[in-house]
């Protein structure tokens, strides 16, 4: 990499596919890093070029397993000890974000713990996308640039989906604010699915608040894990007279048997971003890239420009 470049971009193992696209958008090569694995599963990281005095951007989503998070923490520590000028963690998918509060006695607040670990390791800034809950930004004592996939999704909706009777829906009450923003921006109606759970990842009962008769429904969510909720909501929409049902979600967690559920559901299309690698086969799944959005955020952070224009809603 040119000695004149004021910043360097490095990537962890499992987010390299996205870091390479970000670097292509920025017009710079991906920084050289070596990750050595030991027989017992332990690993170490080392930078294979000088980062002294540079702004270092570390691209790594922290989806399970915990090796992705540990790899990022070691990358941060190594950068700090190598005299980087600033260390910016670029975390397209922030794992453990569902543990953002004490919703019952004697539980951990995982999102706060991860924030503390990243801060203790030595980050100076965080760039991320679509937290499970916006208030997680307050867990950090460093600047947080919280990007939204809405700009990418809205562009796709307007240019690729010719839906005359569009209706925005949320698969649960918790996503009402997000769905409302889409509905207001697009000037279309919104409906809500109300669900009750017996246990995590298992929906007991669901009902629709609103009318979907003859409408093209677009379900909006931040992530899809086992796809139980979103496929149940899609099937319910069709049963209640919807003309078609599609879904968009920022993060394709897609734990088994999610792909099978989506394939067998009423969904005609399931649209994700590439914040998490998705390699399973599902004809209904479409992946949109967030690389250009993150590249532009990195460029603006380096040049001291505002990133607010990146926010559509």
C-alpha atoms as a PDB file:
ATOM      1  CA  UNK A   1       0.000   0.000   0.000  1.00  0.00           C
ATOM      2  CA  UNK A   2       1.249   3.458  -0.828  1.00  0.00           C
ATOM      3  CA  UNK A   3       3.075   5.284   1.952  1.00  0.00           C
ATOM      4  CA  UNK A   4       0.926   8.321   1.102  1.00  0.00           C
ATOM      5  CA  UNK A   5      -2.325   6.588   2.044  1.00  0.00           C
ATOM      6  CA  UNK A   6      -3.483   8.083   5.378  1.00  0.00           C
ATOM      7  CA  UNK A   7      -5.468   5.001   6.319  1.00  0.00           C
ATOM      8  CA  UNK A   8      -5.218   1.223   6.095  1.00  0.00           C
ATOM      9  CA  UNK A   9      -7.997  -1.361   5.931  1.00  0.00           C
ATOM     10  CA  UNK A  10      -7.585  -4.835   7.425  1.00  0.00           C
ATOM     11  CA  UNK A  11      -9.983  -7.722   7.755  1.00  0.00           C
ATOM     12  CA  UNK A  12     -10.623 -10.680   9.991  1.00  0.00           C
ATOM     13  CA  UNK A  13     -10.950 -14.144   8.484  1.00  0.00           C
ATOM     14  CA  UNK A  14     -14.708 -14.464   8.007  1.00  0.00           C
ATOM     15  CA  UNK A  15     -15.469 -10.930   6.794  1.00  0.00           C
ATOM     16  CA  UNK A  16     -12.698 -10.789   4.210  1.00  0.00           C
ATOM     17  CA  UNK A  17     -15.231 -11.179   1.361  1.00  0.00           C
ATOM     18  CA  UNK A  18     -16.827  -7.833   2.370  1.00  0.00           C
ATOM     19  CA  UNK A  19     -13.552  -6.063   3.219  1.00  0.00           C
ATOM     20  CA  UNK A  20     -12.256  -6.830  -0.286  1.00  0.00           C
ATOM     21  CA  UNK A  21     -15.366  -5.214  -1.817  1.00  0.00           C
ATOM     22  CA  UNK A  22     -14.992  -2.197   0.496  1.00  0.00           C
ATOM     23  CA  UNK A  23     -11.361  -1.790  -0.561  1.00  0.00           C
ATOM     24  CA  UNK A  24     -12.312  -2.099  -4.236  1.00  0.00           C
ATOM     25  CA  UNK A  25     -14.829   0.709  -3.721  1.00  0.00           C
ATOM     26  CA  UNK A  26     -12.195   2.831  -1.932  1.00  0.00           C
ATOM     27  CA  UNK A  27      -9.590   2.096  -4.608  1.00  0.00           C
ATOM     28  CA  UNK A  28      -7.047   0.711  -2.153  1.00  0.00           C
ATOM     29  CA  UNK A  29      -5.636  -2.769  -1.514  1.00  0.00           C
ATOM     30  CA  UNK A  30      -6.577  -4.746   1.583  1.00  0.00           C
ATOM     31  CA  UNK A  31      -3.883  -4.577   4.275  1.00  0.00           C
ATOM     32  CA  UNK A  32      -1.654  -7.591   4.875  1.00  0.00           C
ATOM     33  CA  UNK A  33      -2.331  -9.507   8.069  1.00  0.00           C
ATOM     34  CA  UNK A  34      -1.315 -12.959   9.274  1.00  0.00           C
ATOM     35  CA  UNK A  35      -3.553 -15.043  11.526  1.00  0.00           C
ATOM     36  CA  UNK A  36      -1.755 -18.077  12.927  1.00  0.00           C
ATOM     37  CA  UNK A  37      -3.768 -20.970  14.335  1.00  0.00           C
ATOM     38  CA  UNK A  38      -2.449 -23.390  16.947  1.00  0.00           C
ATOM     39  CA  UNK A  39      -3.394 -27.043  17.345  1.00  0.00           C
ATOM     40  CA  UNK A  40      -5.626 -26.391  20.368  1.00  0.00           C
ATOM     41  CA  UNK A  41      -7.730 -23.794  18.539  1.00  0.00           C
ATOM     42  CA  UNK A  42      -5.947 -20.721  19.906  1.00  0.00           C
ATOM     43  CA  UNK A  43      -4.794 -18.149  17.359  1.00  0.00           C
ATOM     44  CA  UNK A  44      -2.669 -15.025  17.132  1.00  0.00           C
ATOM     45  CA  UNK A  45      -2.726 -12.069  14.737  1.00  0.00           C
ATOM     46  CA  UNK A  46       0.082  -9.930  13.361  1.00  0.00           C
ATOM     47  CA  UNK A  47       0.242  -7.038  10.884  1.00  0.00           C
ATOM     48  CA  UNK A  48       2.589  -7.724   7.999  1.00  0.00           C
ATOM     49  CA  UNK A  49       3.166  -4.035   7.226  1.00  0.00           C
ATOM     50  CA  UNK A  50       3.829  -0.902   9.252  1.00  0.00           C
ATOM     51  CA  UNK A  51       0.757   0.811  10.691  1.00  0.00           C
ATOM     52  CA  UNK A  52       2.606   3.363  12.821  1.00  0.00           C
ATOM     53  CA  UNK A  53       0.796   6.706  12.787  1.00  0.00           C
ATOM     54  CA  UNK A  54      -1.977   5.469  10.476  1.00  0.00           C
ATOM     55  CA  UNK A  55      -5.756   5.411  10.851  1.00  0.00           C
ATOM     56  CA  UNK A  56      -6.521   1.692  10.905  1.00  0.00           C
ATOM     57  CA  UNK A  57      -9.948   0.344   9.914  1.00  0.00           C
ATOM     58  CA  UNK A  58     -10.613  -3.217  11.083  1.00  0.00           C
ATOM     59  CA  UNK A  59     -13.485  -4.906   9.231  1.00  0.00           C
ATOM     60  CA  UNK A  60     -15.035  -7.800  11.133  1.00  0.00           C
ATOM     61  CA  UNK A  61     -18.628  -8.821  11.840  1.00  0.00           C
ATOM     62  CA  UNK A  62     -18.990 -10.481  15.247  1.00  0.00           C
ATOM     63  CA  UNK A  63     -21.492 -13.194  14.369  1.00  0.00           C
ATOM     64  CA  UNK A  64     -21.144 -16.539  16.186  1.00  0.00           C
ATOM     65  CA  UNK A  65     -18.972 -18.351  16.900  1.00  0.00           C
ATOM     66  CA  UNK A  66     -17.016 -16.274  19.403  1.00  0.00           C
ATOM     67  CA  UNK A  67     -13.787 -16.658  17.380  1.00  0.00           C
ATOM     68  CA  UNK A  68     -14.876 -13.712  15.199  1.00  0.00           C
ATOM     69  CA  UNK A  69     -15.127 -11.429  18.225  1.00  0.00           C
ATOM     70  CA  UNK A  70     -11.869 -12.725  19.737  1.00  0.00           C
ATOM     71  CA  UNK A  71     -10.080 -12.247  16.428  1.00  0.00           C
ATOM     72  CA  UNK A  72     -11.265  -8.623  16.309  1.00  0.00           C
ATOM     73  CA  UNK A  73     -10.157  -7.987  19.901  1.00  0.00           C
ATOM     74  CA  UNK A  74      -6.674  -9.325  19.108  1.00  0.00           C
ATOM     75  CA  UNK A  75      -6.530  -7.187  15.945  1.00  0.00           C
ATOM     76  CA  UNK A  76      -7.387  -4.097  18.013  1.00  0.00           C
ATOM     77  CA  UNK A  77      -4.783  -4.905  20.664  1.00  0.00           C
ATOM     78  CA  UNK A  78      -2.086  -5.588  18.058  1.00  0.00           C
ATOM     79  CA  UNK A  79      -2.871  -2.276  16.303  1.00  0.00           C
ATOM     80  CA  UNK A  80      -2.659  -0.367  19.578  1.00  0.00           C
ATOM     81  CA  UNK A  81       0.709  -1.944  20.414  1.00  0.00           C
ATOM     82  CA  UNK A  82       1.959  -1.191  16.867  1.00  0.00           C
ATOM     83  CA  UNK A  83       1.360   2.553  17.424  1.00  0.00           C
ATOM     84  CA  UNK A  84      -1.585   3.067  15.100  1.00  0.00           C
ATOM     85  CA  UNK A  85      -2.804   6.685  15.173  1.00  0.00           C
ATOM     86  CA  UNK A  86      -6.446   5.612  15.549  1.00  0.00           C
ATOM     87  CA  UNK A  87      -8.283   2.292  15.534  1.00  0.00           C
ATOM     88  CA  UNK A  88     -11.736   2.172  13.982  1.00  0.00           C
ATOM     89  CA  UNK A  89     -13.718  -1.059  14.299  1.00  0.00           C
ATOM     90  CA  UNK A  90     -15.980  -1.611  11.280  1.00  0.00           C
ATOM     91  CA  UNK A  91     -18.578  -4.137  12.443  1.00  0.00           C
ATOM     92  CA  UNK A  92     -21.303  -4.578   9.784  1.00  0.00           C
ATOM     93  CA  UNK A  93     -23.141  -7.045  12.050  1.00  0.00           C
ATOM     94  CA  UNK A  94     -22.808  -6.442  15.795  1.00  0.00           C
ATOM     95  CA  UNK A  95     -23.328  -9.800  17.512  1.00  0.00           C
ATOM     96  CA  UNK A  96     -24.932 -10.268  20.955  1.00  0.00           C
ATOM     97  CA  UNK A  97     -27.070  -7.196  20.250  1.00  0.00           C
ATOM     98  CA  UNK A  98     -30.270  -9.004  21.226  1.00  0.00           C
ATOM     99  CA  UNK A  99     -29.024  -8.977  24.827  1.00  0.00           C
ATOM    100  CA  UNK A 100     -29.502  -5.231  25.216  1.00  0.00           C
ATOM    101  CA  UNK A 101     -31.387  -5.121  28.562  1.00  0.00           C
ATOM    102  CA  UNK A 102     -32.381  -7.179  31.598  1.00  0.00           C
ATOM    103  CA  UNK A 103     -35.710  -8.593  30.465  1.00  0.00           C
ATOM    104  CA  UNK A 104     -35.790 -11.032  33.386  1.00  0.00           C
ATOM    105  CA  UNK A 105     -33.816 -11.460  36.636  1.00  0.00           C
ATOM    106  CA  UNK A 106     -30.221 -12.733  36.737  1.00  0.00           C
ATOM    107  CA  UNK A 107     -29.308 -12.336  33.065  1.00  0.00           C
ATOM    108  CA  UNK A 108     -26.305 -10.686  31.413  1.00  0.00           C
ATOM    109  CA  UNK A 109     -26.528  -7.588  29.215  1.00  0.00           C
ATOM    110  CA  UNK A 110     -24.360  -9.070  26.483  1.00  0.00           C
ATOM    111  CA  UNK A 111     -24.348  -6.027  24.202  1.00  0.00           C
ATOM    112  CA  UNK A 112     -22.961  -3.823  26.990  1.00  0.00           C
ATOM    113  CA  UNK A 113     -20.302  -6.426  27.816  1.00  0.00           C
ATOM    114  CA  UNK A 114     -19.145  -6.556  24.179  1.00  0.00           C
ATOM    115  CA  UNK A 115     -19.069  -2.737  24.050  1.00  0.00           C
ATOM    116  CA  UNK A 116     -16.885  -2.675  27.176  1.00  0.00           C
ATOM    117  CA  UNK A 117     -14.542  -5.326  25.718  1.00  0.00           C
ATOM    118  CA  UNK A 118     -14.082  -3.387  22.481  1.00  0.00           C
ATOM    119  CA  UNK A 119     -13.436  -0.163  24.416  1.00  0.00           C
ATOM    120  CA  UNK A 120     -10.975  -1.879  26.768  1.00  0.00           C
ATOM    121  CA  UNK A 121      -9.140  -3.379  23.784  1.00  0.00           C
ATOM    122  CA  UNK A 122      -8.627   0.159  22.456  1.00  0.00           C
ATOM    123  CA  UNK A 123     -11.023   1.249  19.694  1.00  0.00           C
ATOM    124  CA  UNK A 124     -11.318   4.986  19.000  1.00  0.00           C
ATOM    125  CA  UNK A 125     -14.499   4.745  16.895  1.00  0.00           C
ATOM    126  CA  UNK A 126     -17.116   2.234  15.799  1.00  0.00           C
ATOM    127  CA  UNK A 127     -18.808   2.024  12.399  1.00  0.00           C
ATOM    128  CA  UNK A 128     -21.690  -0.425  12.352  1.00  0.00           C
ATOM    129  CA  UNK A 129     -25.076  -1.015  10.728  1.00  0.00           C
ATOM    130  CA  UNK A 130     -28.597  -1.616  12.022  1.00  0.00           C
ATOM    131  CA  UNK A 131     -28.142  -2.399  15.701  1.00  0.00           C
ATOM    132  CA  UNK A 132     -30.904  -4.638  17.042  1.00  0.00           C
ATOM    133  CA  UNK A 133     -31.743  -1.705  19.337  1.00  0.00           C
ATOM    134  CA  UNK A 134     -30.640   1.894  18.685  1.00  0.00           C
ATOM    135  CA  UNK A 135     -29.864   2.526  22.359  1.00  0.00           C
ATOM    136  CA  UNK A 136     -26.824   0.214  22.132  1.00  0.00           C
ATOM    137  CA  UNK A 137     -24.969   3.282  20.816  1.00  0.00           C
ATOM    138  CA  UNK A 138     -25.126   4.590  24.392  1.00  0.00           C
ATOM    139  CA  UNK A 139     -23.121   1.595  25.639  1.00  0.00           C
ATOM    140  CA  UNK A 140     -20.018   3.088  24.000  1.00  0.00           C
ATOM    141  CA  UNK A 141     -17.936   6.034  25.203  1.00  0.00           C
ATOM    142  CA  UNK A 142     -16.373   6.501  21.749  1.00  0.00           C
ATOM    143  CA  UNK A 143     -18.047   7.948  18.617  1.00  0.00           C
ATOM    144  CA  UNK A 144     -20.444   5.504  16.916  1.00  0.00           C
ATOM    145  CA  UNK A 145     -21.384   5.884  13.248  1.00  0.00           C
ATOM    146  CA  UNK A 146     -24.592   3.866  13.042  1.00  0.00           C
ATOM    147  CA  UNK A 147     -25.436   3.237   9.387  1.00  0.00           C
ATOM    148  CA  UNK A 148     -28.763   1.956   8.079  1.00  0.00           C
ATOM    149  CA  UNK A 149     -29.404  -0.529   5.271  1.00  0.00           C
ATOM    150  CA  UNK A 150     -32.601   1.391   4.457  1.00  0.00           C
ATOM    151  CA  UNK A 151     -30.852   3.411   1.727  1.00  0.00           C
ATOM    152  CA  UNK A 152     -29.932   0.192  -0.084  1.00  0.00           C
ATOM    153  CA  UNK A 153     -33.321  -1.440   0.443  1.00  0.00           C
ATOM    154  CA  UNK A 154     -35.309   1.637  -0.593  1.00  0.00           C
ATOM    155  CA  UNK A 155     -33.299   1.916  -3.787  1.00  0.00           C
ATOM    156  CA  UNK A 156     -34.070  -1.742  -4.535  1.00  0.00           C
ATOM    157  CA  UNK A 157     -37.780  -1.319  -3.718  1.00  0.00           C
ATOM    158  CA  UNK A 158     -38.158   1.715  -5.992  1.00  0.00           C
ATOM    159  CA  UNK A 159     -36.056   0.427  -8.903  1.00  0.00           C
ATOM    160  CA  UNK A 160     -36.611  -3.340  -8.859  1.00  0.00           C
ATOM    161  CA  UNK A 161     -40.025  -3.982  -7.328  1.00  0.00           C
ATOM    162  CA  UNK A 162     -42.969  -2.731  -9.379  1.00  0.00           C
ATOM    163  CA  UNK A 163     -45.638  -3.002  -6.693  1.00  0.00           C
ATOM    164  CA  UNK A 164     -48.730  -0.811  -7.145  1.00  0.00           C
ATOM    165  CA  UNK A 165     -50.411  -1.887  -3.910  1.00  0.00           C
ATOM    166  CA  UNK A 166     -47.418  -1.908  -1.576  1.00  0.00           C
ATOM    167  CA  UNK A 167     -47.979  -2.310   2.151  1.00  0.00           C
ATOM    168  CA  UNK A 168     -45.208  -2.323   4.774  1.00  0.00           C
ATOM    169  CA  UNK A 169     -45.501  -4.849   7.601  1.00  0.00           C
ATOM    170  CA  UNK A 170     -43.529  -5.649  10.731  1.00  0.00           C
ATOM    171  CA  UNK A 171     -43.344  -9.280  11.916  1.00  0.00           C
ATOM    172  CA  UNK A 172     -43.426  -8.179  15.562  1.00  0.00           C
ATOM    173  CA  UNK A 173     -44.365  -5.128  17.636  1.00  0.00           C
ATOM    174  CA  UNK A 174     -40.694  -4.391  18.413  1.00  0.00           C
ATOM    175  CA  UNK A 175     -40.048  -3.451  14.789  1.00  0.00           C
ATOM    176  CA  UNK A 176     -42.921  -0.958  14.556  1.00  0.00           C
ATOM    177  CA  UNK A 177     -40.680   2.128  14.505  1.00  0.00           C
ATOM    178  CA  UNK A 178     -38.551   0.708  11.683  1.00  0.00           C
ATOM    179  CA  UNK A 179     -41.564  -0.313   9.584  1.00  0.00           C
ATOM    180  CA  UNK A 180     -43.262   3.026  10.233  1.00  0.00           C
ATOM    181  CA  UNK A 181     -40.224   4.874   8.839  1.00  0.00           C
ATOM    182  CA  UNK A 182     -40.394   2.847   5.614  1.00  0.00           C
ATOM    183  CA  UNK A 183     -44.172   3.305   5.291  1.00  0.00           C
ATOM    184  CA  UNK A 184     -43.949   7.065   5.887  1.00  0.00           C
ATOM    185  CA  UNK A 185     -41.085   7.531   3.413  1.00  0.00           C
ATOM    186  CA  UNK A 186     -42.834   5.486   0.698  1.00  0.00           C
ATOM    187  CA  UNK A 187     -46.286   6.901   1.469  1.00  0.00           C
ATOM    188  CA  UNK A 188     -47.918   3.492   1.850  1.00  0.00           C
ATOM    189  CA  UNK A 189     -50.013   1.822   4.592  1.00  0.00           C
ATOM    190  CA  UNK A 190     -48.549  -0.302   7.391  1.00  0.00           C
ATOM    191  CA  UNK A 191     -49.753  -3.353   9.312  1.00  0.00           C
ATOM    192  CA  UNK A 192     -48.348  -4.994  12.439  1.00  0.00           C
ATOM    193  CA  UNK A 193     -48.032  -8.631  13.460  1.00  0.00           C
ATOM    194  CA  UNK A 194     -48.485  -9.258  17.163  1.00  0.00           C
ATOM    195  CA  UNK A 195     -46.845 -12.433  18.448  1.00  0.00           C
ATOM    196  CA  UNK A 196     -46.421 -14.237  21.740  1.00  0.00           C
ATOM    197  CA  UNK A 197     -43.600 -16.660  22.510  1.00  0.00           C
ATOM    198  CA  UNK A 198     -43.380 -19.710  24.752  1.00  0.00           C
ATOM    199  CA  UNK A 199     -39.574 -19.696  24.529  1.00  0.00           C
ATOM    200  CA  UNK A 200     -36.750 -18.152  22.446  1.00  0.00           C
ATOM    201  CA  UNK A 201     -36.965 -18.809  18.682  1.00  0.00           C
ATOM    202  CA  UNK A 202     -40.440 -20.346  19.022  1.00  0.00           C
ATOM    203  CA  UNK A 203     -43.606 -18.381  18.229  1.00  0.00           C
ATOM    204  CA  UNK A 204     -46.750 -19.549  20.034  1.00  0.00           C
ATOM    205  CA  UNK A 205     -49.402 -17.295  18.505  1.00  0.00           C
ATOM    206  CA  UNK A 206     -49.540 -14.503  15.910  1.00  0.00           C
ATOM    207  CA  UNK A 207     -52.251 -12.166  14.631  1.00  0.00           C
ATOM    208  CA  UNK A 208     -52.392  -9.224  12.202  1.00  0.00           C
ATOM    209  CA  UNK A 209     -53.309  -5.697  13.271  1.00  0.00           C
ATOM    210  CA  UNK A 210     -54.559  -4.075  10.064  1.00  0.00           C
ATOM    211  CA  UNK A 211     -55.918  -5.115   6.654  1.00  0.00           C
ATOM    212  CA  UNK A 212     -53.775  -6.699   3.895  1.00  0.00           C
ATOM    213  CA  UNK A 213     -56.559  -7.750   1.505  1.00  0.00           C
ATOM    214  CA  UNK A 214     -55.303  -7.414  -2.099  1.00  0.00           C
ATOM    215  CA  UNK A 215     -52.018  -5.752  -1.075  1.00  0.00           C
ATOM    216  CA  UNK A 216     -48.398  -6.549  -1.934  1.00  0.00           C
ATOM    217  CA  UNK A 217     -46.900  -6.929   1.540  1.00  0.00           C
ATOM    218  CA  UNK A 218     -43.259  -6.172   2.349  1.00  0.00           C
ATOM    219  CA  UNK A 219     -42.138  -7.401   5.762  1.00  0.00           C
ATOM    220  CA  UNK A 220     -39.318  -5.349   7.316  1.00  0.00           C
ATOM    221  CA  UNK A 221     -36.942  -6.646  10.013  1.00  0.00           C
ATOM    222  CA  UNK A 222     -33.378  -6.098  11.226  1.00  0.00           C
ATOM    223  CA  UNK A 223     -32.310  -9.753  11.261  1.00  0.00           C
ATOM    224  CA  UNK A 224     -33.608 -13.237  10.514  1.00  0.00           C
ATOM    225  CA  UNK A 225     -32.291 -16.051  12.708  1.00  0.00           C
ATOM    226  CA  UNK A 226     -34.336 -19.262  12.455  1.00  0.00           C
ATOM    227  CA  UNK A 227     -36.931 -17.549  10.190  1.00  0.00           C
ATOM    228  CA  UNK A 228     -39.781 -18.872  12.346  1.00  0.00           C
ATOM    229  CA  UNK A 229     -41.361 -15.472  12.965  1.00  0.00           C
ATOM    230  CA  UNK A 230     -40.996 -13.990   9.489  1.00  0.00           C
ATOM    231  CA  UNK A 231     -42.247 -17.095   7.641  1.00  0.00           C
ATOM    232  CA  UNK A 232     -45.183 -17.456  10.016  1.00  0.00           C
ATOM    233  CA  UNK A 233     -46.030 -13.786   9.405  1.00  0.00           C
ATOM    234  CA  UNK A 234     -45.730 -14.266   5.622  1.00  0.00           C
ATOM    235  CA  UNK A 235     -48.044 -17.274   5.654  1.00  0.00           C
ATOM    236  CA  UNK A 236     -50.522 -15.367   7.820  1.00  0.00           C
ATOM    237  CA  UNK A 237     -50.496 -12.421   5.375  1.00  0.00           C
ATOM    238  CA  UNK A 238     -51.362 -14.712   2.462  1.00  0.00           C
ATOM    239  CA  UNK A 239     -54.115 -16.412   4.478  1.00  0.00           C
ATOM    240  CA  UNK A 240     -55.600 -12.975   5.133  1.00  0.00           C
ATOM    241  CA  UNK A 241     -55.840 -12.082   1.453  1.00  0.00           C
ATOM    242  CA  UNK A 242     -52.474 -10.521   0.615  1.00  0.00           C
ATOM    243  CA  UNK A 243     -51.671 -10.518  -3.112  1.00  0.00           C
ATOM    244  CA  UNK A 244     -47.950 -11.263  -2.531  1.00  0.00           C
ATOM    245  CA  UNK A 245     -45.485 -11.284   0.354  1.00  0.00           C
ATOM    246  CA  UNK A 246     -41.811 -10.340   0.338  1.00  0.00           C
ATOM    247  CA  UNK A 247     -39.360  -9.567   3.151  1.00  0.00           C
ATOM    248  CA  UNK A 248     -36.259  -7.460   3.714  1.00  0.00           C
ATOM    249  CA  UNK A 249     -33.845  -7.820   6.625  1.00  0.00           C
ATOM    250  CA  UNK A 250     -30.413  -6.325   7.214  1.00  0.00           C
ATOM    251  CA  UNK A 251     -28.645  -9.353   8.647  1.00  0.00           C
ATOM    252  CA  UNK A 252     -28.872 -12.923   7.301  1.00  0.00           C
ATOM    253  CA  UNK A 253     -28.150 -14.852  10.504  1.00  0.00           C
ATOM    254  CA  UNK A 254     -30.176 -17.723   8.984  1.00  0.00           C
ATOM    255  CA  UNK A 255     -29.522 -20.519  11.478  1.00  0.00           C
ATOM    256  CA  UNK A 256     -30.831 -23.930  10.428  1.00  0.00           C
ATOM    257  CA  UNK A 257     -33.580 -24.631   9.420  1.00  0.00           C
ATOM    258  CA  UNK A 258     -34.102 -21.011   8.269  1.00  0.00           C
ATOM    259  CA  UNK A 259     -33.322 -21.569   4.567  1.00  0.00           C
ATOM    260  CA  UNK A 260     -35.736 -24.504   4.373  1.00  0.00           C
ATOM    261  CA  UNK A 261     -38.452 -22.484   6.116  1.00  0.00           C
ATOM    262  CA  UNK A 262     -38.027 -19.559   3.708  1.00  0.00           C
ATOM    263  CA  UNK A 263     -38.098 -21.941   0.728  1.00  0.00           C
ATOM    264  CA  UNK A 264     -41.324 -23.558   1.917  1.00  0.00           C
ATOM    265  CA  UNK A 265     -43.039 -20.313   3.001  1.00  0.00           C
ATOM    266  CA  UNK A 266     -45.417 -17.901   1.283  1.00  0.00           C
ATOM    267  CA  UNK A 267     -42.506 -15.504   0.719  1.00  0.00           C
ATOM    268  CA  UNK A 268     -41.806 -14.858  -2.951  1.00  0.00           C
ATOM    269  CA  UNK A 269     -38.515 -13.115  -2.125  1.00  0.00           C
ATOM    270  CA  UNK A 270     -36.250 -12.646   0.920  1.00  0.00           C
ATOM    271  CA  UNK A 271     -33.745  -9.794   0.598  1.00  0.00           C
ATOM    272  CA  UNK A 272     -30.669  -9.419   2.835  1.00  0.00           C
ATOM    273  CA  UNK A 273     -27.437  -7.443   2.869  1.00  0.00           C
ATOM    274  CA  UNK A 274     -24.008  -9.098   2.875  1.00  0.00           C
ATOM    275  CA  UNK A 275     -23.164  -7.992   6.450  1.00  0.00           C
ATOM    276  CA  UNK A 276     -22.939 -11.722   7.250  1.00  0.00           C
ATOM    277  CA  UNK A 277     -21.751 -14.331   4.716  1.00  0.00           C
ATOM    278  CA  UNK A 278     -24.657 -16.397   3.395  1.00  0.00           C
ATOM    279  CA  UNK A 279     -23.621 -19.516   1.498  1.00  0.00           C
ATOM    280  CA  UNK A 280     -26.658 -21.791   1.794  1.00  0.00           C
ATOM    281  CA  UNK A 281     -28.828 -22.527  -1.214  1.00  0.00           C
ATOM    282  CA  UNK A 282     -32.211 -20.846  -1.250  1.00  0.00           C
ATOM    283  CA  UNK A 283     -33.659 -19.610  -4.540  1.00  0.00           C
ATOM    284  CA  UNK A 284     -35.819 -17.019  -2.766  1.00  0.00           C
ATOM    285  CA  UNK A 285     -32.882 -15.270  -1.072  1.00  0.00           C
ATOM    286  CA  UNK A 286     -31.292 -12.217  -2.720  1.00  0.00           C
ATOM    287  CA  UNK A 287     -28.204 -10.491  -1.300  1.00  0.00           C
ATOM    288  CA  UNK A 288     -27.507  -6.757  -1.707  1.00  0.00           C
ATOM    289  CA  UNK A 289     -24.041  -5.421  -0.897  1.00  0.00           C
ATOM    290  CA  UNK A 290     -23.335  -2.744   1.722  1.00  0.00           C
ATOM    291  CA  UNK A 291     -19.691  -2.397   0.613  1.00  0.00           C
ATOM    292  CA  UNK A 292     -20.114   0.971  -1.134  1.00  0.00           C
ATOM    293  CA  UNK A 293     -21.989   2.426   1.844  1.00  0.00           C
ATOM    294  CA  UNK A 294     -19.255   1.382   4.305  1.00  0.00           C
ATOM    295  CA  UNK A 295     -16.531   2.555   1.910  1.00  0.00           C
ATOM    296  CA  UNK A 296     -18.159   5.995   1.702  1.00  0.00           C
ATOM    297  CA  UNK A 297     -18.465   6.141   5.509  1.00  0.00           C
ATOM    298  CA  UNK A 298     -14.754   5.285   5.851  1.00  0.00           C
ATOM    299  CA  UNK A 299     -13.809   7.922   3.289  1.00  0.00           C
ATOM    300  CA  UNK A 300     -15.858  10.595   5.082  1.00  0.00           C
ATOM    301  CA  UNK A 301     -14.490   9.676   8.512  1.00  0.00           C
ATOM    302  CA  UNK A 302     -10.947  10.060   7.149  1.00  0.00           C
ATOM    303  CA  UNK A 303     -11.711  13.413   5.513  1.00  0.00           C
ATOM    304  CA  UNK A 304     -13.737  14.768   8.449  1.00  0.00           C
ATOM    305  CA  UNK A 305     -16.929  15.077   6.393  1.00  0.00           C
ATOM    306  CA  UNK A 306     -20.470  14.594   7.646  1.00  0.00           C
ATOM    307  CA  UNK A 307     -22.016  11.160   7.078  1.00  0.00           C
ATOM    308  CA  UNK A 308     -25.598  12.270   7.773  1.00  0.00           C
ATOM    309  CA  UNK A 309     -26.411  12.382   4.058  1.00  0.00           C
ATOM    310  CA  UNK A 310     -25.925   8.608   3.976  1.00  0.00           C
ATOM    311  CA  UNK A 311     -29.100   8.304   6.052  1.00  0.00           C
ATOM    312  CA  UNK A 312     -32.271   8.138   3.974  1.00  0.00           C
ATOM    313  CA  UNK A 313     -34.572   7.296   6.897  1.00  0.00           C
END
